Amino acid sequence: MGRLFDSPWAIIILIIVALLLFGAPKLPGLARSVGQSLRIFKSEVKQMKDEDAARAADEPVEGRVMNPPRNVRKEDQAPNANGGTQPPGQQ
């Protein structure tokens, strides 16, 4: 499947088949509608990116470091990602 467009002959044959199937008068209209669809798609993608960038700039992200309560026993603490209850350097 990947070798279809390796040689220019395959592309030329596909163009000739398209001319025979769709006819020469219909191809400019087809190309025009495909081009218009691509322009609309590109503008919509650009608009979505601009909206995401504006939304990200408007909403600041706030993060806090939460320390575990000091009066919790080791047995009651939830295990961390390493499987223990202590930070990796203290195990």
PDB file of N, CA and C in Angstrom:
ATOM      1  N   MET A   1       0.821  -1.203   0.000  1.00  0.00           N
ATOM      2  CA  MET A   1       0.000   0.000   0.000  1.00  0.00           C
ATOM      3  C   MET A   1       0.854   1.250   0.000  1.00  0.00           C
ATOM      4  N   GLY A   2       1.973   1.246   0.688  1.00  0.00           N
ATOM      5  CA  GLY A   2       2.832   2.408   0.775  1.00  0.00           C
ATOM      6  C   GLY A   2       3.583   2.692  -0.512  1.00  0.00           C
ATOM      7  N   ARG A   3       3.618   1.729  -1.439  1.00  0.00           N
ATOM      8  CA  ARG A   3       4.373   1.891  -2.677  1.00  0.00           C
ATOM      9  C   ARG A   3       3.528   2.502  -3.799  1.00  0.00           C
ATOM     10  N   LEU A   4       2.318   2.899  -3.511  1.00  0.00           N
ATOM     11  CA  LEU A   4       1.429   3.424  -4.542  1.00  0.00           C
ATOM     12  C   LEU A   4       1.967   4.712  -5.149  1.00  0.00           C
ATOM     13  N   PHE A   5       2.509   5.608  -4.328  1.00  0.00           N
ATOM     14  CA  PHE A   5       2.951   6.902  -4.816  1.00  0.00           C
ATOM     15  C   PHE A   5       4.475   7.000  -4.908  1.00  0.00           C
ATOM     16  N   ASP A   6       5.174   5.865  -4.948  1.00  0.00           N
ATOM     17  CA  ASP A   6       6.626   5.895  -5.072  1.00  0.00           C
ATOM     18  C   ASP A   6       7.073   6.324  -6.469  1.00  0.00           C
ATOM     19  N   SER A   7       6.332   5.946  -7.478  1.00  0.00           N
ATOM     20  CA  SER A   7       6.726   6.311  -8.841  1.00  0.00           C
ATOM     21  C   SER A   7       5.743   7.346  -9.396  1.00  0.00           C
ATOM     22  N   PRO A   8       6.226   8.214 -10.287  1.00  0.00           N
ATOM     23  CA  PRO A   8       5.323   9.219 -10.871  1.00  0.00           C
ATOM     24  C   PRO A   8       4.281   8.597 -11.799  1.00  0.00           C
ATOM     25  N   TRP A   9       4.548   7.390 -12.307  1.00  0.00           N
ATOM     26  CA  TRP A   9       3.590   6.763 -13.215  1.00  0.00           C
ATOM     27  C   TRP A   9       2.277   6.447 -12.526  1.00  0.00           C
ATOM     28  N   ALA A  10       2.346   6.033 -11.272  1.00  0.00           N
ATOM     29  CA  ALA A  10       1.106   5.729 -10.550  1.00  0.00           C
ATOM     30  C   ALA A  10       0.256   6.981 -10.381  1.00  0.00           C
ATOM     31  N   ILE A  11       0.900   8.093 -10.102  1.00  0.00           N
ATOM     32  CA  ILE A  11       0.160   9.353  -9.942  1.00  0.00           C
ATOM     33  C   ILE A  11      -0.452   9.788 -11.266  1.00  0.00           C
ATOM     34  N   ILE A  12       0.318   9.655 -12.353  1.00  0.00           N
ATOM     35  CA  ILE A  12      -0.191  10.045 -13.673  1.00  0.00           C
ATOM     36  C   ILE A  12      -1.385   9.179 -14.056  1.00  0.00           C
ATOM     37  N   ILE A  13      -1.310   7.894 -13.796  1.00  0.00           N
ATOM     38  CA  ILE A  13      -2.427   6.992 -14.114  1.00  0.00           C
ATOM     39  C   ILE A  13      -3.663   7.360 -13.292  1.00  0.00           C
ATOM     40  N   LEU A  14      -3.470   7.688 -12.011  1.00  0.00           N
ATOM     41  CA  LEU A  14      -4.608   8.099 -11.180  1.00  0.00           C
ATOM     42  C   LEU A  14      -5.250   9.381 -11.703  1.00  0.00           C
ATOM     43  N   ILE A  15      -4.453  10.324 -12.172  1.00  0.00           N
ATOM     44  CA  ILE A  15      -5.000  11.574 -12.711  1.00  0.00           C
ATOM     45  C   ILE A  15      -5.797  11.289 -13.988  1.00  0.00           C
ATOM     46  N   ILE A  16      -5.271  10.424 -14.831  1.00  0.00           N
ATOM     47  CA  ILE A  16      -5.989  10.088 -16.068  1.00  0.00           C
ATOM     48  C   ILE A  16      -7.306   9.387 -15.756  1.00  0.00           C
ATOM     49  N   VAL A  17      -7.295   8.486 -14.800  1.00  0.00           N
ATOM     50  CA  VAL A  17      -8.531   7.795 -14.399  1.00  0.00           C
ATOM     51  C   VAL A  17      -9.541   8.800 -13.842  1.00  0.00           C
ATOM     52  N   ALA A  18      -9.065   9.748 -13.037  1.00  0.00           N
ATOM     53  CA  ALA A  18      -9.968  10.769 -12.488  1.00  0.00           C
ATOM     54  C   ALA A  18     -10.565  11.614 -13.605  1.00  0.00           C
ATOM     55  N   LEU A  19      -9.760  11.967 -14.617  1.00  0.00           N
ATOM     56  CA  LEU A  19     -10.287  12.728 -15.755  1.00  0.00           C
ATOM     57  C   LEU A  19     -11.350  11.941 -16.500  1.00  0.00           C
ATOM     58  N   LEU A  20     -11.124  10.647 -16.674  1.00  0.00           N
ATOM     59  CA  LEU A  20     -12.099   9.825 -17.387  1.00  0.00           C
ATOM     60  C   LEU A  20     -13.384   9.638 -16.583  1.00  0.00           C
ATOM     61  N   LEU A  21     -13.248   9.465 -15.265  1.00  0.00           N
ATOM     62  CA  LEU A  21     -14.432   9.225 -14.439  1.00  0.00           C
ATOM     63  C   LEU A  21     -15.268  10.489 -14.236  1.00  0.00           C
ATOM     64  N   PHE A  22     -14.624  11.568 -13.888  1.00  0.00           N
ATOM     65  CA  PHE A  22     -15.362  12.782 -13.537  1.00  0.00           C
ATOM     66  C   PHE A  22     -15.561  13.703 -14.718  1.00  0.00           C
ATOM     67  N   GLY A  23     -14.768  13.557 -15.730  1.00  0.00           N
ATOM     68  CA  GLY A  23     -14.886  14.426 -16.891  1.00  0.00           C
ATOM     69  C   GLY A  23     -14.165  15.733 -16.660  1.00  0.00           C
ATOM     70  N   ALA A  24     -13.607  16.266 -17.704  1.00  0.00           N
ATOM     71  CA  ALA A  24     -12.820  17.498 -17.614  1.00  0.00           C
ATOM     72  C   ALA A  24     -13.645  18.693 -17.131  1.00  0.00           C
ATOM     73  N   PRO A  25     -14.906  18.847 -17.540  1.00  0.00           N
ATOM     74  CA  PRO A  25     -15.662  20.029 -17.093  1.00  0.00           C
ATOM     75  C   PRO A  25     -15.955  20.029 -15.586  1.00  0.00           C
ATOM     76  N   LYS A  26     -16.066  18.865 -14.982  1.00  0.00           N
ATOM     77  CA  LYS A  26     -16.430  18.807 -13.568  1.00  0.00           C
ATOM     78  C   LYS A  26     -15.226  18.977 -12.641  1.00  0.00           C
ATOM     79  N   LEU A  27     -14.017  18.721 -13.103  1.00  0.00           N
ATOM     80  CA  LEU A  27     -12.840  18.765 -12.238  1.00  0.00           C
ATOM     81  C   LEU A  27     -12.544  20.148 -11.654  1.00  0.00           C
ATOM     82  N   PRO A  28     -12.648  21.250 -12.406  1.00  0.00           N
ATOM     83  CA  PRO A  28     -12.392  22.553 -11.773  1.00  0.00           C
ATOM     84  C   PRO A  28     -13.368  22.860 -10.629  1.00  0.00           C
ATOM     85  N   GLY A  29     -14.619  22.504 -10.805  1.00  0.00           N
ATOM     86  CA  GLY A  29     -15.600  22.713  -9.731  1.00  0.00           C
ATOM     87  C   GLY A  29     -15.287  21.842  -8.526  1.00  0.00           C
ATOM     88  N   LEU A  30     -14.865  20.614  -8.773  1.00  0.00           N
ATOM     89  CA  LEU A  30     -14.483  19.708  -7.696  1.00  0.00           C
ATOM     90  C   LEU A  30     -13.271  20.246  -6.948  1.00  0.00           C
ATOM     91  N   ALA A  31     -12.266  20.702  -7.693  1.00  0.00           N
ATOM     92  CA  ALA A  31     -11.067  21.262  -7.062  1.00  0.00           C
ATOM     93  C   ALA A  31     -11.407  22.525  -6.275  1.00  0.00           C
ATOM     94  N   ARG A  32     -12.304  23.338  -6.804  1.00  0.00           N
ATOM     95  CA  ARG A  32     -12.707  24.565  -6.113  1.00  0.00           C
ATOM     96  C   ARG A  32     -13.401  24.236  -4.800  1.00  0.00           C
ATOM     97  N   SER A  33     -14.287  23.255  -4.808  1.00  0.00           N
ATOM     98  CA  SER A  33     -15.001  22.906  -3.580  1.00  0.00           C
ATOM     99  C   SER A  33     -14.061  22.259  -2.559  1.00  0.00           C
ATOM    100  N   VAL A  34     -13.101  21.457  -3.019  1.00  0.00           N
ATOM    101  CA  VAL A  34     -12.122  20.878  -2.101  1.00  0.00           C
ATOM    102  C   VAL A  34     -11.261  21.975  -1.492  1.00  0.00           C
ATOM    103  N   GLY A  35     -10.829  22.926  -2.312  1.00  0.00           N
ATOM    104  CA  GLY A  35     -10.028  24.054  -1.799  1.00  0.00           C
ATOM    105  C   GLY A  35     -10.801  24.890  -0.793  1.00  0.00           C
ATOM    106  N   GLN A  36     -12.062  25.146  -1.072  1.00  0.00           N
ATOM    107  CA  GLN A  36     -12.893  25.914  -0.143  1.00  0.00           C
ATOM    108  C   GLN A  36     -13.081  25.151   1.164  1.00  0.00           C
ATOM    109  N   SER A  37     -13.283  23.847   1.076  1.00  0.00           N
ATOM    110  CA  SER A  37     -13.429  23.048   2.294  1.00  0.00           C
ATOM    111  C   SER A  37     -12.152  23.069   3.125  1.00  0.00           C
ATOM    112  N   LEU A  38     -10.992  22.984   2.470  1.00  0.00           N
ATOM    113  CA  LEU A  38      -9.726  23.043   3.195  1.00  0.00           C
ATOM    114  C   LEU A  38      -9.530  24.406   3.863  1.00  0.00           C
ATOM    115  N   ARG A  39      -9.901  25.479   3.166  1.00  0.00           N
ATOM    116  CA  ARG A  39      -9.785  26.817   3.769  1.00  0.00           C
ATOM    117  C   ARG A  39     -10.680  26.945   4.996  1.00  0.00           C
ATOM    118  N   ILE A  40     -11.890  26.443   4.920  1.00  0.00           N
ATOM    119  CA  ILE A  40     -12.808  26.487   6.062  1.00  0.00           C
ATOM    120  C   ILE A  40     -12.251  25.668   7.213  1.00  0.00           C
ATOM    121  N   PHE A  41     -11.746  24.481   6.906  1.00  0.00           N
ATOM    122  CA  PHE A  41     -11.174  23.622   7.940  1.00  0.00           C
ATOM    123  C   PHE A  41      -9.993  24.301   8.620  1.00  0.00           C
ATOM    124  N   LYS A  42      -9.087  24.892   7.833  1.00  0.00           N
ATOM    125  CA  LYS A  42      -7.924  25.584   8.406  1.00  0.00           C
ATOM    126  C   LYS A  42      -8.349  26.756   9.277  1.00  0.00           C
ATOM    127  N   SER A  43      -9.341  27.517   8.838  1.00  0.00           N
ATOM    128  CA  SER A  43      -9.779  28.662   9.643  1.00  0.00           C
ATOM    129  C   SER A  43     -10.425  28.197  10.949  1.00  0.00           C
ATOM    130  N   GLU A  44     -11.167  27.102  10.906  1.00  0.00           N
ATOM    131  CA  GLU A  44     -11.776  26.574  12.127  1.00  0.00           C
ATOM    132  C   GLU A  44     -10.715  26.071  13.102  1.00  0.00           C
ATOM    133  N   VAL A  45      -9.687  25.392  12.578  1.00  0.00           N
ATOM    134  CA  VAL A  45      -8.601  24.910  13.443  1.00  0.00           C
ATOM    135  C   VAL A  45      -7.876  26.089  14.061  1.00  0.00           C
ATOM    136  N   LYS A  46      -7.611  27.123  13.272  1.00  0.00           N
ATOM    137  CA  LYS A  46      -6.924  28.317  13.788  1.00  0.00           C
ATOM    138  C   LYS A  46      -7.775  28.996  14.858  1.00  0.00           C
ATOM    139  N   GLN A  47      -9.069  29.083  14.621  1.00  0.00           N
ATOM    140  CA  GLN A  47      -9.974  29.689  15.592  1.00  0.00           C
ATOM    141  C   GLN A  47      -9.991  28.894  16.893  1.00  0.00           C
ATOM    142  N   MET A  48      -9.987  27.561  16.804  1.00  0.00           N
ATOM    143  CA  MET A  48      -9.967  26.735  18.011  1.00  0.00           C
ATOM    144  C   MET A  48      -8.672  26.942  18.785  1.00  0.00           C
ATOM    145  N   LYS A  49      -7.540  27.025  18.084  1.00  0.00           N
ATOM    146  CA  LYS A  49      -6.256  27.259  18.749  1.00  0.00           C
ATOM    147  C   LYS A  49      -6.241  28.621  19.432  1.00  0.00           C
ATOM    148  N   ASP A  50      -6.789  29.634  18.756  1.00  0.00           N
ATOM    149  CA  ASP A  50      -6.832  30.979  19.348  1.00  0.00           C
ATOM    150  C   ASP A  50      -7.714  31.006  20.588  1.00  0.00           C
ATOM    151  N   GLU A  51      -8.851  30.290  20.540  1.00  0.00           N
ATOM    152  CA  GLU A  51      -9.734  30.245  21.703  1.00  0.00           C
ATOM    153  C   GLU A  51      -9.066  29.533  22.872  1.00  0.00           C
ATOM    154  N   ASP A  52      -8.348  28.453  22.584  1.00  0.00           N
ATOM    155  CA  ASP A  52      -7.645  27.728  23.645  1.00  0.00           C
ATOM    156  C   ASP A  52      -6.556  28.591  24.259  1.00  0.00           C
ATOM    157  N   ALA A  53      -5.824  29.330  23.423  1.00  0.00           N
ATOM    158  CA  ALA A  53      -4.758  30.194  23.933  1.00  0.00           C
ATOM    159  C   ALA A  53      -5.349  31.327  24.772  1.00  0.00           C
ATOM    160  N   ALA A  54      -6.471  31.898  24.326  1.00  0.00           N
ATOM    161  CA  ALA A  54      -7.098  32.973  25.081  1.00  0.00           C
ATOM    162  C   ALA A  54      -7.652  32.450  26.407  1.00  0.00           C
ATOM    163  N   ARG A  55      -8.235  31.270  26.383  1.00  0.00           N
ATOM    164  CA  ARG A  55      -8.779  30.685  27.598  1.00  0.00           C
ATOM    165  C   ARG A  55      -7.655  30.362  28.581  1.00  0.00           C
ATOM    166  N   ALA A  56      -6.543  29.857  28.077  1.00  0.00           N
ATOM    167  CA  ALA A  56      -5.415  29.520  28.947  1.00  0.00           C
ATOM    168  C   ALA A  56      -4.811  30.781  29.547  1.00  0.00           C
ATOM    169  N   ALA A  57      -4.812  31.878  28.800  1.00  0.00           N
ATOM    170  CA  ALA A  57      -4.251  33.129  29.313  1.00  0.00           C
ATOM    171  C   ALA A  57      -5.189  33.766  30.345  1.00  0.00           C
ATOM    172  N   ASP A  58      -6.487  33.555  30.193  1.00  0.00           N
ATOM    173  CA  ASP A  58      -7.458  34.165  31.103  1.00  0.00           C
ATOM    174  C   ASP A  58      -7.547  33.440  32.435  1.00  0.00           C
ATOM    175  N   GLU A  59      -7.364  32.148  32.435  1.00  0.00           N
ATOM    176  CA  GLU A  59      -7.540  31.367  33.647  1.00  0.00           C
ATOM    177  C   GLU A  59      -6.192  30.981  34.242  1.00  0.00           C
ATOM    178  N   PRO A  60      -5.752  31.681  35.281  1.00  0.00           N
ATOM    179  CA  PRO A  60      -4.478  31.282  35.884  1.00  0.00           C
ATOM    180  C   PRO A  60      -4.628  29.959  36.634  1.00  0.00           C
ATOM    181  N   VAL A  61      -3.564  29.213  36.622  1.00  0.00           N
ATOM    182  CA  VAL A  61      -3.566  27.926  37.297  1.00  0.00           C
ATOM    183  C   VAL A  61      -2.950  28.127  38.666  1.00  0.00           C
ATOM    184  N   GLU A  62      -3.662  27.679  39.679  1.00  0.00           N
ATOM    185  CA  GLU A  62      -3.175  27.824  41.046  1.00  0.00           C
ATOM    186  C   GLU A  62      -2.851  26.438  41.588  1.00  0.00           C
ATOM    187  N   GLY A  63      -1.669  26.304  42.121  1.00  0.00           N
ATOM    188  CA  GLY A  63      -1.280  25.028  42.694  1.00  0.00           C
ATOM    189  C   GLY A  63      -0.795  25.214  44.124  1.00  0.00           C
ATOM    190  N   ARG A  64      -1.086  24.265  44.961  1.00  0.00           N
ATOM    191  CA  ARG A  64      -0.652  24.318  46.362  1.00  0.00           C
ATOM    192  C   ARG A  64      -0.010  22.991  46.730  1.00  0.00           C
ATOM    193  N   VAL A  65       0.990  23.069  47.594  1.00  0.00           N
ATOM    194  CA  VAL A  65       1.604  21.867  48.132  1.00  0.00           C
ATOM    195  C   VAL A  65       0.934  21.595  49.459  1.00  0.00           C
ATOM    196  N   MET A  66       0.366  20.421  49.564  1.00  0.00           N
ATOM    197  CA  MET A  66      -0.353  20.060  50.785  1.00  0.00           C
ATOM    198  C   MET A  66       0.526  19.133  51.613  1.00  0.00           C
ATOM    199  N   ASN A  67       0.818  19.525  52.824  1.00  0.00           N
ATOM    200  CA  ASN A  67       1.559  18.672  53.749  1.00  0.00           C
ATOM    201  C   ASN A  67       0.577  17.779  54.492  1.00  0.00           C
ATOM    202  N   PRO A  68       0.964  16.527  54.742  1.00  0.00           N
ATOM    203  CA  PRO A  68       0.051  15.645  55.472  1.00  0.00           C
ATOM    204  C   PRO A  68      -0.092  16.119  56.915  1.00  0.00           C
ATOM    205  N   PRO A  69      -1.223  15.855  57.521  1.00  0.00           N
ATOM    206  CA  PRO A  69      -1.404  16.258  58.920  1.00  0.00           C
ATOM    207  C   PRO A  69      -0.384  15.550  59.812  1.00  0.00           C
ATOM    208  N   ARG A  70       0.067  16.244  60.835  1.00  0.00           N
ATOM    209  CA  ARG A  70       1.122  15.710  61.698  1.00  0.00           C
ATOM    210  C   ARG A  70       0.597  14.686  62.706  1.00  0.00           C
ATOM    211  N   ASN A  71      -0.682  14.677  62.974  1.00  0.00           N
ATOM    212  CA  ASN A  71      -1.190  13.775  64.005  1.00  0.00           C
ATOM    213  C   ASN A  71      -1.709  12.446  63.440  1.00  0.00           C
ATOM    214  N   VAL A  72      -1.347  12.083  62.211  1.00  0.00           N
ATOM    215  CA  VAL A  72      -1.774  10.825  61.607  1.00  0.00           C
ATOM    216  C   VAL A  72      -0.671   9.786  61.817  1.00  0.00           C
ATOM    217  N   ARG A  73      -1.069   8.582  62.250  1.00  0.00           N
ATOM    218  CA  ARG A  73      -0.090   7.511  62.443  1.00  0.00           C
ATOM    219  C   ARG A  73       0.384   6.988  61.088  1.00  0.00           C
ATOM    220  N   LYS A  74       1.575   6.395  61.058  1.00  0.00           N
ATOM    221  CA  LYS A  74       2.127   5.856  59.819  1.00  0.00           C
ATOM    222  C   LYS A  74       1.223   4.792  59.223  1.00  0.00           C
ATOM    223  N   GLU A  75       0.620   3.996  60.060  1.00  0.00           N
ATOM    224  CA  GLU A  75      -0.233   2.923  59.566  1.00  0.00           C
ATOM    225  C   GLU A  75      -1.484   3.461  58.874  1.00  0.00           C
ATOM    226  N   ASP A  76      -1.923   4.657  59.248  1.00  0.00           N
ATOM    227  CA  ASP A  76      -3.140   5.225  58.680  1.00  0.00           C
ATOM    228  C   ASP A  76      -2.881   6.020  57.402  1.00  0.00           C
ATOM    229  N   GLN A  77      -1.603   6.307  57.093  1.00  0.00           N
ATOM    230  CA  GLN A  77      -1.296   7.071  55.890  1.00  0.00           C
ATOM    231  C   GLN A  77      -1.483   6.214  54.650  1.00  0.00           C
ATOM    232  N   ALA A  78      -1.910   6.855  53.583  1.00  0.00           N
ATOM    233  CA  ALA A  78      -2.041   6.156  52.298  1.00  0.00           C
ATOM    234  C   ALA A  78      -0.646   5.974  51.709  1.00  0.00           C
ATOM    235  N   PRO A  79      -0.391   4.856  51.049  1.00  0.00           N
ATOM    236  CA  PRO A  79       0.937   4.640  50.457  1.00  0.00           C
ATOM    237  C   PRO A  79       1.164   5.592  49.291  1.00  0.00           C
ATOM    238  N   ASN A  80       2.436   5.987  49.106  1.00  0.00           N
ATOM    239  CA  ASN A  80       2.758   6.852  47.984  1.00  0.00           C
ATOM    240  C   ASN A  80       3.011   6.009  46.739  1.00  0.00           C
ATOM    241  N   ALA A  81       3.460   6.642  45.672  1.00  0.00           N
ATOM    242  CA  ALA A  81       3.654   5.943  44.399  1.00  0.00           C
ATOM    243  C   ALA A  81       4.725   4.867  44.484  1.00  0.00           C
ATOM    244  N   ASN A  82       5.646   5.000  45.430  1.00  0.00           N
ATOM    245  CA  ASN A  82       6.705   4.007  45.578  1.00  0.00           C
ATOM    246  C   ASN A  82       6.279   2.828  46.439  1.00  0.00           C
ATOM    247  N   GLY A  83       5.076   2.844  46.945  1.00  0.00           N
ATOM    248  CA  GLY A  83       4.582   1.748  47.744  1.00  0.00           C
ATOM    249  C   GLY A  83       4.788   1.943  49.233  1.00  0.00           C
ATOM    250  N   GLY A  84       5.476   2.968  49.627  1.00  0.00           N
ATOM    251  CA  GLY A  84       5.719   3.228  51.043  1.00  0.00           C
ATOM    252  C   GLY A  84       4.992   4.465  51.507  1.00  0.00           C
ATOM    253  N   THR A  85       5.218   4.848  52.741  1.00  0.00           N
ATOM    254  CA  THR A  85       4.566   6.031  53.284  1.00  0.00           C
ATOM    255  C   THR A  85       5.555   7.180  53.470  1.00  0.00           C
ATOM    256  N   GLN A  86       6.845   6.908  53.274  1.00  0.00           N
ATOM    257  CA  GLN A  86       7.873   7.930  53.392  1.00  0.00           C
ATOM    258  C   GLN A  86       8.308   8.391  52.004  1.00  0.00           C
ATOM    259  N   PRO A  87       8.819   9.596  51.881  1.00  0.00           N
ATOM    260  CA  PRO A  87       9.385  10.036  50.592  1.00  0.00           C
ATOM    261  C   PRO A  87      10.557   9.115  50.205  1.00  0.00           C
ATOM    262  N   PRO A  88      10.881   8.993  48.937  1.00  0.00           N
ATOM    263  CA  PRO A  88      11.902   8.052  48.494  1.00  0.00           C
ATOM    264  C   PRO A  88      13.258   8.235  49.169  1.00  0.00           C
ATOM    265  N   GLY A  89      13.660   9.426  49.498  1.00  0.00           N
ATOM    266  CA  GLY A  89      14.953   9.651  50.114  1.00  0.00           C
ATOM    267  C   GLY A  89      15.004   9.248  51.570  1.00  0.00           C
ATOM    268  N   GLN A  90      13.858   9.061  52.216  1.00  0.00           N
ATOM    269  CA  GLN A  90      13.816   8.785  53.648  1.00  0.00           C
ATOM    270  C   GLN A  90      13.500   7.322  53.957  1.00  0.00           C
ATOM    271  N   GLN A  91      13.375   6.464  52.960  1.00  0.00           N
ATOM    272  CA  GLN A  91      13.042   5.066  53.209  1.00  0.00           C
ATOM    273  C   GLN A  91      14.264   4.256  53.519  1.00  0.00           C
TER     274      GLN A  91
END
